[in-house]
Amino acid sequence: MKRFYPYAAHRDTSVVIVELESNEYFIIVSLSTTRDTQVIYIDPTTGALQYTARKGFDIFSSEDEALLFVTAGSHWLCKTTVHARAILGYAALGSFALLLVATKLVASIPELPGGGCVYTVAESQCIKINLQDPHPQYKGELKNIQDFADIDIDGKHYFCETRDITRPFPSAASILDPDEEFVWNQWLSSSFKEIGLQRHCVILLQVCFSSISSCL
């Protein structure tokens, strides 16, 4: 049976990145299009994302319940937390993993015909995660890491969580099947697709925004 995702969100998407005192990282995601919360674990050695879709282990009924599980009920185990509104991309590069998130959004088109909202990324943050990798870091890898960290996102990229805006609007295509020609973060979202959580990394576009507005 095809799952239905309503255009009218019952909550805003929330992302919490938790670093424990053990230097382990978890990504806690509550999508606007669902009623549950997923916990994604970052392997501390390889940087691979891990998700098993098990209730009570990485699926919870709320963000608070997920946080309680991750921290074992003690805030003392939590080293740092970052609150965000969307995941924009992720990559493991040598001895580091980099997680790109949007910390502030602007509703550029609050109400699309038929429902949905287009958000522009107003503020973003690149979280650098040290991996337990004994291999030396080569100059090319260091450059890739620096280039990733210096990506200029703010005010230039946008997305919609519920509608396909990569094609002439209104598009009948699924949000999970965008026109790859216009997707800016296709490679950066592949890690989430591999673990079955494709919707957890937004489909980010970078084109002239006025061209979208003029079609509505």
Protein backbone atom coordinates (compact mmCIF):
# COMPACT_ATOMS: atom_id res chain seq x y z
CA MET A 1 0.00 0.00 0.00
CA LYS A 2 1.32 3.42 -0.95
CA ARG A 3 1.97 5.55 2.09
CA PHE A 4 0.29 8.96 2.13
CA TYR A 5 2.18 12.03 3.33
CA PRO A 6 -0.17 14.95 3.99
CA TYR A 7 0.85 18.35 2.73
CA ALA A 8 -0.40 20.06 5.89
CA ALA A 9 2.26 19.41 8.52
CA HIS A 10 1.11 18.80 12.08
CA ARG A 11 4.50 19.92 13.42
CA ASP A 12 7.71 21.52 12.20
CA THR A 13 10.56 19.22 11.35
CA SER A 14 13.06 19.06 14.21
CA VAL A 15 16.63 17.76 14.12
CA VAL A 16 18.79 17.34 17.22
CA ILE A 17 22.43 16.31 16.93
CA VAL A 18 23.67 14.86 20.21
CA GLU A 19 27.31 14.28 21.14
CA LEU A 20 27.79 12.14 24.23
CA GLU A 21 30.72 12.30 26.63
CA SER A 22 31.87 9.06 24.97
CA ASN A 23 32.29 11.11 21.74
CA GLU A 24 29.47 9.14 20.09
CA TYR A 25 27.06 11.04 17.85
CA PHE A 26 23.34 10.55 17.31
CA ILE A 27 20.99 12.36 14.91
CA ILE A 28 17.44 12.59 16.25
CA VAL A 29 14.89 13.48 13.56
CA SER A 30 11.18 14.26 13.89
CA LEU A 31 9.78 14.94 10.42
CA SER A 32 6.81 17.22 9.85
CA THR A 33 5.26 14.51 7.65
CA THR A 34 5.29 11.74 10.28
CA ARG A 35 4.24 11.29 13.89
CA ASP A 36 7.24 9.37 15.19
CA THR A 37 10.95 10.12 15.73
CA GLN A 38 13.98 8.34 14.30
CA VAL A 39 17.43 8.01 15.87
CA ILE A 40 20.40 7.64 13.52
CA TYR A 41 23.72 6.50 14.98
CA ILE A 42 27.04 7.57 13.45
CA ASP A 43 29.62 4.81 13.56
CA PRO A 44 32.58 6.38 15.43
CA THR A 45 35.17 4.53 13.32
CA THR A 46 33.88 4.57 9.74
CA GLY A 47 31.36 7.41 9.93
CA ALA A 48 28.67 5.17 8.40
CA LEU A 49 25.08 5.99 9.33
CA GLN A 50 23.28 3.19 11.18
CA TYR A 51 19.52 2.67 11.46
CA THR A 52 17.62 -0.59 12.11
CA ALA A 53 13.96 0.60 12.20
CA ARG A 54 13.37 -1.05 15.58
CA LYS A 55 10.79 0.48 17.90
CA GLY A 56 12.27 1.37 21.25
CA PHE A 57 15.79 1.31 19.80
CA ASP A 58 15.83 3.85 16.95
CA ILE A 59 12.11 4.57 16.48
CA PHE A 60 10.28 6.46 19.24
CA SER A 61 6.95 8.19 19.70
CA SER A 62 8.51 11.58 20.44
CA GLU A 63 11.75 13.56 20.44
CA ASP A 64 11.80 13.66 24.23
CA GLU A 65 11.51 9.88 24.41
CA ALA A 66 14.34 9.49 21.91
CA LEU A 67 16.57 11.92 23.84
CA LEU A 68 15.88 10.04 27.05
CA PHE A 69 16.99 6.79 25.42
CA VAL A 70 20.13 8.25 23.82
CA THR A 71 21.31 9.89 27.04
CA ALA A 72 20.23 6.95 29.23
CA GLY A 73 18.09 9.38 31.20
CA SER A 74 21.05 11.49 32.37
CA HIS A 75 21.86 14.91 30.95
CA TRP A 76 25.37 14.50 32.34
CA LEU A 77 26.12 12.02 29.54
CA CYS A 78 25.36 14.67 26.93
CA LYS A 79 28.41 16.69 25.86
CA THR A 80 26.88 18.96 23.21
CA THR A 81 23.59 19.35 21.34
CA VAL A 82 22.78 21.21 18.13
CA HIS A 83 19.18 21.98 17.22
CA ALA A 84 18.32 22.32 13.54
CA ARG A 85 15.34 22.51 11.18
CA ALA A 86 16.57 20.27 8.36
CA ILE A 87 19.39 17.97 7.29
CA LEU A 88 21.11 19.19 4.11
CA GLY A 89 23.84 16.59 3.64
CA TYR A 90 26.36 14.22 5.17
CA ALA A 91 29.71 12.75 4.15
CA ALA A 92 32.48 10.73 5.78
CA LEU A 93 35.86 11.89 4.47
CA GLY A 94 38.92 10.13 5.85
CA SER A 95 39.27 10.83 9.55
CA PHE A 96 36.25 13.13 9.69
CA ALA A 97 32.54 13.09 9.04
CA LEU A 98 30.73 16.29 8.13
CA LEU A 99 27.03 16.89 8.77
CA LEU A 100 25.42 19.90 7.10
CA VAL A 101 22.20 21.18 8.69
CA ALA A 102 19.91 24.18 8.40
CA THR A 103 19.51 25.96 11.73
CA LYS A 104 17.17 28.68 10.49
CA LEU A 105 14.64 28.68 7.66
CA VAL A 106 12.52 31.33 5.97
CA ALA A 107 9.15 30.40 4.48
CA SER A 108 9.68 31.95 1.04
CA ILE A 109 6.43 30.55 -0.36
CA PRO A 110 4.32 29.73 2.72
CA GLU A 111 1.41 28.16 0.85
CA LEU A 112 1.84 26.38 -2.46
CA PRO A 113 -1.33 25.72 -4.46
CA GLY A 114 -2.65 22.44 -3.13
CA GLY A 115 -0.53 22.64 0.01
CA GLY A 116 3.13 22.68 0.93
CA CYS A 117 5.74 25.30 1.72
CA VAL A 118 9.02 26.31 0.07
CA TYR A 119 11.76 27.13 2.59
CA THR A 120 14.95 29.07 1.97
CA VAL A 121 17.94 28.16 4.14
CA ALA A 122 18.67 31.33 6.11
CA GLU A 123 21.37 29.90 8.38
CA SER A 124 23.31 26.65 8.17
CA GLN A 125 25.98 24.87 10.16
CA CYS A 126 28.58 22.26 9.25
CA ILE A 127 29.27 19.89 12.14
CA LYS A 128 32.71 18.28 12.02
CA ILE A 129 32.92 14.87 13.66
CA ASN A 130 36.28 13.28 14.48
CA LEU A 131 36.38 9.60 13.52
CA GLN A 132 38.52 6.93 15.13
CA ASP A 133 40.45 6.34 11.93
CA PRO A 134 44.15 5.44 12.26
CA HIS A 135 44.95 6.21 8.61
CA PRO A 136 46.86 9.42 7.82
CA GLN A 137 44.95 12.33 6.34
CA TYR A 138 46.15 13.17 2.83
CA LYS A 139 46.34 16.70 1.47
CA GLY A 140 43.54 16.07 -1.06
CA GLU A 141 41.23 14.77 1.67
CA LEU A 142 41.98 17.78 3.86
CA LYS A 143 41.11 20.07 0.95
CA ASN A 144 37.81 18.24 0.40
CA ILE A 145 36.96 18.62 4.08
CA GLN A 146 37.77 22.34 4.03
CA ASP A 147 35.78 22.87 0.82
CA PHE A 148 32.80 21.10 2.38
CA ALA A 149 33.02 23.20 5.55
CA ASP A 150 33.21 26.41 3.48
CA ILE A 151 30.11 25.71 1.37
CA ASP A 152 28.05 28.90 1.05
CA ILE A 153 24.45 27.79 1.62
CA ASP A 154 22.71 30.63 3.39
CA GLY A 155 20.14 32.51 1.32
CA LYS A 156 21.02 30.64 -1.89
CA HIS A 157 19.39 27.22 -1.45
CA TYR A 158 15.82 26.13 -0.88
CA PHE A 159 13.61 23.06 -0.62
CA CYS A 160 10.10 21.76 -0.11
CA GLU A 161 9.45 18.79 2.19
CA THR A 162 6.21 17.63 0.57
CA ARG A 163 6.15 18.65 -3.12
CA ASP A 164 8.39 18.07 -6.13
CA ILE A 165 9.66 21.51 -7.17
CA THR A 166 12.39 20.25 -9.52
CA ARG A 167 9.91 20.15 -12.42
CA PRO A 168 7.36 22.61 -13.84
CA PHE A 169 4.76 23.25 -11.15
CA PRO A 170 2.42 21.59 -10.37
CA SER A 171 4.45 18.40 -10.67
CA ALA A 172 2.80 15.01 -10.42
CA ALA A 173 6.12 13.35 -9.56
CA SER A 174 6.87 11.96 -6.11
CA ILE A 175 9.06 13.98 -3.77
CA LEU A 176 11.30 10.87 -3.71
CA ASP A 177 11.84 11.02 -7.48
CA PRO A 178 13.18 14.52 -8.24
CA ASP A 179 14.73 15.67 -11.50
CA GLU A 180 18.40 15.08 -10.64
CA GLU A 181 19.51 17.92 -12.92
CA PHE A 182 18.34 20.46 -10.34
CA VAL A 183 19.23 18.64 -7.11
CA TRP A 184 22.26 20.29 -5.51
CA ASN A 185 22.87 17.76 -2.71
CA GLN A 186 22.26 14.44 -4.45
CA TRP A 187 25.61 12.93 -3.41
CA LEU A 188 25.41 14.43 0.08
CA SER A 189 22.02 12.78 0.67
CA SER A 190 23.05 9.29 -0.52
CA SER A 191 23.98 8.05 2.97
CA PHE A 192 20.40 8.57 4.16
CA LYS A 193 19.00 6.84 1.10
CA GLU A 194 21.22 3.82 1.77
CA ILE A 195 19.69 3.28 5.23
CA GLY A 196 16.11 3.74 3.99
CA LEU A 197 15.63 7.29 5.28
CA GLN A 198 15.68 9.23 2.02
CA ARG A 199 13.15 11.80 3.27
CA HIS A 200 15.35 12.69 6.23
CA CYS A 201 17.73 14.70 4.04
CA VAL A 202 15.87 17.38 2.12
CA ILE A 203 16.14 17.75 -1.65
CA LEU A 204 18.09 20.97 -1.89
CA LEU A 205 17.94 23.23 -4.94
CA GLN A 206 20.11 26.13 -6.05
CA VAL A 207 18.66 28.11 -8.93
CA CYS A 208 17.13 31.52 -9.50
CA PHE A 209 14.33 31.67 -6.95
CA SER A 210 12.33 34.19 -8.97
CA SER A 211 11.86 31.56 -11.68
CA ILE A 212 9.98 29.40 -9.18
CA SER A 213 7.89 32.29 -7.90
CA SER A 214 6.86 33.33 -11.39
CA CYS A 215 5.37 29.90 -12.06
CA LEU A 216 2.90 30.14 -9.16
